[in-house]
PDB file of N, CA and C in Angstrom:
ATOM      1  N   UNK A   1      18.636  -7.453 -26.059  1.00  0.00           N
ATOM      2  CA  UNK A   1      17.199  -7.394 -26.229  1.00  0.00           C
ATOM      3  C   UNK A   1      16.480  -7.289 -24.911  1.00  0.00           C
ATOM      4  N   UNK A   2      16.977  -7.916 -23.894  1.00  0.00           N
ATOM      5  CA  UNK A   2      16.268  -7.952 -22.685  1.00  0.00           C
ATOM      6  C   UNK A   2      16.128  -6.565 -21.996  1.00  0.00           C
ATOM      7  N   UNK A   3      17.072  -5.700 -22.224  1.00  0.00           N
ATOM      8  CA  UNK A   3      17.053  -4.355 -21.656  1.00  0.00           C
ATOM      9  C   UNK A   3      15.940  -3.585 -22.286  1.00  0.00           C
ATOM     10  N   UNK A   4      15.797  -3.664 -23.603  1.00  0.00           N
ATOM     11  CA  UNK A   4      14.764  -2.868 -24.329  1.00  0.00           C
ATOM     12  C   UNK A   4      13.391  -3.379 -24.032  1.00  0.00           C
ATOM     13  N   UNK A   5      13.281  -4.655 -23.981  1.00  0.00           N
ATOM     14  CA  UNK A   5      11.898  -5.228 -23.672  1.00  0.00           C
ATOM     15  C   UNK A   5      11.482  -4.907 -22.232  1.00  0.00           C
ATOM     16  N   UNK A   6      12.447  -4.955 -21.289  1.00  0.00           N
ATOM     17  CA  UNK A   6      12.125  -4.651 -19.900  1.00  0.00           C
ATOM     18  C   UNK A   6      11.741  -3.189 -19.694  1.00  0.00           C
ATOM     19  N   UNK A   7      12.553  -2.330 -20.355  1.00  0.00           N
ATOM     20  CA  UNK A   7      12.250  -0.912 -20.189  1.00  0.00           C
ATOM     21  C   UNK A   7      10.973  -0.498 -20.934  1.00  0.00           C
ATOM     22  N   UNK A   8      10.673  -1.145 -22.020  1.00  0.00           N
ATOM     23  CA  UNK A   8       9.444  -0.901 -22.715  1.00  0.00           C
ATOM     24  C   UNK A   8       8.246  -1.294 -21.880  1.00  0.00           C
ATOM     25  N   UNK A   9       8.299  -2.450 -21.200  1.00  0.00           N
ATOM     26  CA  UNK A   9       7.184  -2.820 -20.336  1.00  0.00           C
ATOM     27  C   UNK A   9       7.084  -1.866 -19.142  1.00  0.00           C
ATOM     28  N   UNK A  10       8.195  -1.430 -18.599  1.00  0.00           N
ATOM     29  CA  UNK A  10       8.150  -0.505 -17.521  1.00  0.00           C
ATOM     30  C   UNK A  10       7.534   0.820 -17.924  1.00  0.00           C
ATOM     31  N   UNK A  11       7.896   1.325 -19.122  1.00  0.00           N
ATOM     32  CA  UNK A  11       7.413   2.612 -19.541  1.00  0.00           C
ATOM     33  C   UNK A  11       5.885   2.490 -19.825  1.00  0.00           C
ATOM     34  N   UNK A  12       5.466   1.405 -20.478  1.00  0.00           N
ATOM     35  CA  UNK A  12       4.055   1.240 -20.751  1.00  0.00           C
ATOM     36  C   UNK A  12       3.269   1.125 -19.477  1.00  0.00           C
ATOM     37  N   UNK A  13       3.713   0.428 -18.476  1.00  0.00           N
ATOM     38  CA  UNK A  13       3.053   0.339 -17.165  1.00  0.00           C
ATOM     39  C   UNK A  13       2.979   1.643 -16.498  1.00  0.00           C
ATOM     40  N   UNK A  14       4.028   2.421 -16.560  1.00  0.00           N
ATOM     41  CA  UNK A  14       4.067   3.751 -15.916  1.00  0.00           C
ATOM     42  C   UNK A  14       3.083   4.651 -16.585  1.00  0.00           C
ATOM     43  N   UNK A  15       3.016   4.613 -17.954  1.00  0.00           N
ATOM     44  CA  UNK A  15       2.080   5.441 -18.685  1.00  0.00           C
ATOM     45  C   UNK A  15       0.645   5.062 -18.431  1.00  0.00           C
ATOM     46  N   UNK A  16       0.305   3.818 -18.317  1.00  0.00           N
ATOM     47  CA  UNK A  16      -1.018   3.343 -17.972  1.00  0.00           C
ATOM     48  C   UNK A  16      -1.373   3.756 -16.604  1.00  0.00           C
ATOM     49  N   UNK A  17      -0.436   3.651 -15.681  1.00  0.00           N
ATOM     50  CA  UNK A  17      -0.716   4.099 -14.237  1.00  0.00           C
ATOM     51  C   UNK A  17      -0.955   5.534 -14.113  1.00  0.00           C
ATOM     52  N   UNK A  18      -0.222   6.359 -14.858  1.00  0.00           N
ATOM     53  CA  UNK A  18      -0.484   7.790 -14.868  1.00  0.00           C
ATOM     54  C   UNK A  18      -1.854   8.134 -15.440  1.00  0.00           C
ATOM     55  N   UNK A  19      -2.202   7.493 -16.525  1.00  0.00           N
ATOM     56  CA  UNK A  19      -3.512   7.712 -17.122  1.00  0.00           C
ATOM     57  C   UNK A  19      -4.648   7.337 -16.161  1.00  0.00           C
ATOM     58  N   UNK A  20      -4.508   6.161 -15.554  1.00  0.00           N
ATOM     59  CA  UNK A  20      -5.583   5.760 -14.625  1.00  0.00           C
ATOM     60  C   UNK A  20      -5.714   6.697 -13.429  1.00  0.00           C
ATOM     61  N   UNK A  21      -4.530   7.103 -12.851  1.00  0.00           N
ATOM     62  CA  UNK A  21      -4.512   7.997 -11.701  1.00  0.00           C
ATOM     63  C   UNK A  21      -5.173   9.351 -12.002  1.00  0.00           C
ATOM     64  N   UNK A  22      -4.979   9.854 -13.264  1.00  0.00           N
ATOM     65  CA  UNK A  22      -5.558  11.112 -13.545  1.00  0.00           C
ATOM     66  C   UNK A  22      -7.059  11.108 -13.932  1.00  0.00           C
ATOM     67  N   UNK A  23      -7.519   9.951 -14.491  1.00  0.00           N
ATOM     68  CA  UNK A  23      -8.858   9.895 -15.027  1.00  0.00           C
ATOM     69  C   UNK A  23      -9.857   9.095 -14.207  1.00  0.00           C
ATOM     70  N   UNK A  24      -9.393   8.455 -13.189  1.00  0.00           N
ATOM     71  CA  UNK A  24     -10.266   7.652 -12.324  1.00  0.00           C
ATOM     72  C   UNK A  24     -10.049   7.972 -10.878  1.00  0.00           C
ATOM     73  N   UNK A  25     -11.047   7.642 -10.043  1.00  0.00           N
ATOM     74  CA  UNK A  25     -10.918   7.878  -8.600  1.00  0.00           C
ATOM     75  C   UNK A  25     -10.184   6.744  -7.941  1.00  0.00           C
ATOM     76  N   UNK A  26      -8.856   6.859  -7.832  1.00  0.00           N
ATOM     77  CA  UNK A  26      -8.030   5.823  -7.261  1.00  0.00           C
ATOM     78  C   UNK A  26      -7.743   6.218  -5.776  1.00  0.00           C
ATOM     79  N   UNK A  27      -8.022   5.221  -4.907  1.00  0.00           N
ATOM     80  CA  UNK A  27      -7.798   5.549  -3.475  1.00  0.00           C
ATOM     81  C   UNK A  27      -6.353   5.757  -3.165  1.00  0.00           C
ATOM     82  N   UNK A  28      -6.172   6.597  -2.093  1.00  0.00           N
ATOM     83  CA  UNK A  28      -4.796   6.894  -1.629  1.00  0.00           C
ATOM     84  C   UNK A  28      -4.321   5.654  -0.827  1.00  0.00           C
ATOM     85  N   UNK A  29      -3.398   4.900  -1.310  1.00  0.00           N
ATOM     86  CA  UNK A  29      -2.900   3.692  -0.727  1.00  0.00           C
ATOM     87  C   UNK A  29      -2.187   3.937   0.611  1.00  0.00           C
ATOM     88  N   UNK A  30      -1.442   4.998   0.677  1.00  0.00           N
ATOM     89  CA  UNK A  30      -0.679   5.314   1.896  1.00  0.00           C
ATOM     90  C   UNK A  30      -1.650   5.639   3.029  1.00  0.00           C
ATOM     91  N   UNK A  31      -2.660   6.397   2.756  1.00  0.00           N
ATOM     92  CA  UNK A  31      -3.642   6.684   3.823  1.00  0.00           C
ATOM     93  C   UNK A  31      -4.418   5.451   4.219  1.00  0.00           C
ATOM     94  N   UNK A  32      -4.754   4.574   3.268  1.00  0.00           N
ATOM     95  CA  UNK A  32      -5.495   3.330   3.527  1.00  0.00           C
ATOM     96  C   UNK A  32      -4.562   2.404   4.408  1.00  0.00           C
ATOM     97  N   UNK A  33      -3.277   2.322   4.088  1.00  0.00           N
ATOM     98  CA  UNK A  33      -2.376   1.467   4.878  1.00  0.00           C
ATOM     99  C   UNK A  33      -2.204   2.017   6.303  1.00  0.00           C
ATOM    100  N   UNK A  34      -2.103   3.346   6.471  1.00  0.00           N
ATOM    101  CA  UNK A  34      -1.944   3.924   7.791  1.00  0.00           C
ATOM    102  C   UNK A  34      -3.225   3.630   8.631  1.00  0.00           C
ATOM    103  N   UNK A  35      -4.390   3.647   7.994  1.00  0.00           N
ATOM    104  CA  UNK A  35      -5.588   3.369   8.737  1.00  0.00           C
ATOM    105  C   UNK A  35      -5.597   1.949   9.201  1.00  0.00           C
ATOM    106  N   UNK A  36      -5.159   0.982   8.352  1.00  0.00           N
ATOM    107  CA  UNK A  36      -5.167  -0.448   8.837  1.00  0.00           C
ATOM    108  C   UNK A  36      -4.046  -0.699   9.913  1.00  0.00           C
ATOM    109  N   UNK A  37      -2.975   0.047   9.867  1.00  0.00           N
ATOM    110  CA  UNK A  37      -1.941  -0.079  10.840  1.00  0.00           C
ATOM    111  C   UNK A  37      -2.492   0.439  12.208  1.00  0.00           C
ATOM    112  N   UNK A  38      -3.207   1.530  12.162  1.00  0.00           N
ATOM    113  CA  UNK A  38      -3.780   2.135  13.420  1.00  0.00           C
ATOM    114  C   UNK A  38      -4.833   1.165  13.976  1.00  0.00           C
ATOM    115  N   UNK A  39      -5.608   0.548  13.114  1.00  0.00           N
ATOM    116  CA  UNK A  39      -6.619  -0.429  13.566  1.00  0.00           C
ATOM    117  C   UNK A  39      -6.010  -1.636  14.178  1.00  0.00           C
ATOM    118  N   UNK A  40      -4.910  -2.138  13.536  1.00  0.00           N
ATOM    119  CA  UNK A  40      -4.205  -3.310  14.122  1.00  0.00           C
ATOM    120  C   UNK A  40      -3.601  -2.982  15.492  1.00  0.00           C
ATOM    121  N   UNK A  41      -2.988  -1.845  15.628  1.00  0.00           N
ATOM    122  CA  UNK A  41      -2.408  -1.431  16.917  1.00  0.00           C
ATOM    123  C   UNK A  41      -3.499  -1.287  17.988  1.00  0.00           C
ATOM    124  N   UNK A  42      -4.626  -0.742  17.610  1.00  0.00           N
ATOM    125  CA  UNK A  42      -5.697  -0.549  18.548  1.00  0.00           C
ATOM    126  C   UNK A  42      -6.211  -1.980  19.031  1.00  0.00           C
ATOM    127  N   UNK A  43      -6.388  -2.886  18.052  1.00  0.00           N
ATOM    128  CA  UNK A  43      -6.871  -4.193  18.487  1.00  0.00           C
ATOM    129  C   UNK A  43      -5.843  -4.969  19.288  1.00  0.00           C
ATOM    130  N   UNK A  44      -4.583  -4.821  18.961  1.00  0.00           N
ATOM    131  CA  UNK A  44      -3.491  -5.500  19.731  1.00  0.00           C
ATOM    132  C   UNK A  44      -3.512  -4.936  21.170  1.00  0.00           C
ATOM    133  N   UNK A  45      -3.622  -3.646  21.360  1.00  0.00           N
ATOM    134  CA  UNK A  45      -3.636  -3.063  22.701  1.00  0.00           C
ATOM    135  C   UNK A  45      -4.873  -3.417  23.471  1.00  0.00           C
ATOM    136  N   UNK A  46      -6.030  -3.588  22.799  1.00  0.00           N
ATOM    137  CA  UNK A  46      -7.259  -3.915  23.467  1.00  0.00           C
ATOM    138  C   UNK A  46      -7.240  -5.323  23.976  1.00  0.00           C
ATOM    139  N   UNK A  47      -6.756  -6.252  23.184  1.00  0.00           N
ATOM    140  CA  UNK A  47      -6.845  -7.696  23.544  1.00  0.00           C
ATOM    141  C   UNK A  47      -5.557  -8.315  24.013  1.00  0.00           C
ATOM    142  N   UNK A  48      -4.614  -7.466  24.421  1.00  0.00           N
ATOM    143  CA  UNK A  48      -3.306  -7.923  24.925  1.00  0.00           C
ATOM    144  C   UNK A  48      -3.478  -8.578  26.311  1.00  0.00           C
ATOM    145  N   UNK A  49      -2.733  -9.661  26.576  1.00  0.00           N
ATOM    146  CA  UNK A  49      -2.762 -10.312  27.820  1.00  0.00           C
ATOM    147  C   UNK A  49      -2.141  -9.414  28.862  1.00  0.00           C
ATOM    148  N   UNK A  50      -2.662  -9.357  30.069  1.00  0.00           N
ATOM    149  CA  UNK A  50      -2.022  -8.493  31.090  1.00  0.00           C
ATOM    150  C   UNK A  50      -0.633  -9.031  31.485  1.00  0.00           C
ATOM    151  N   UNK A  51       0.255  -8.200  31.810  1.00  0.00           N
ATOM    152  CA  UNK A  51       1.603  -8.588  32.159  1.00  0.00           C
ATOM    153  C   UNK A  51       1.570  -9.242  33.600  1.00  0.00           C
ATOM    154  N   UNK A  52       2.406 -10.324  33.761  1.00  0.00           N
ATOM    155  CA  UNK A  52       2.479 -10.967  35.060  1.00  0.00           C
ATOM    156  C   UNK A  52       3.283 -10.115  35.977  1.00  0.00           C
ATOM    157  N   UNK A  53       2.803  -9.944  37.206  1.00  0.00           N
ATOM    158  CA  UNK A  53       3.488  -9.197  38.225  1.00  0.00           C
ATOM    159  C   UNK A  53       4.105 -10.242  39.200  1.00  0.00           C
ATOM    160  N   UNK A  54       5.404 -10.160  39.374  1.00  0.00           N
ATOM    161  CA  UNK A  54       6.109 -11.125  40.293  1.00  0.00           C
ATOM    162  C   UNK A  54       6.086 -10.616  41.702  1.00  0.00           C
TER     163      UNK A  54
END
């Protein structure tokens, strides 16, 4: 019974996700993630401590 119940939930979730993606303005998560990674790298490079010179 667990296999059927799990696969049913998965298929229902997938169907709802497809419906929402087609009918609503859903943001591109990959593009949003890449933007935040770029911003984090920029902040890290800007506020990094200078290296000690021996």
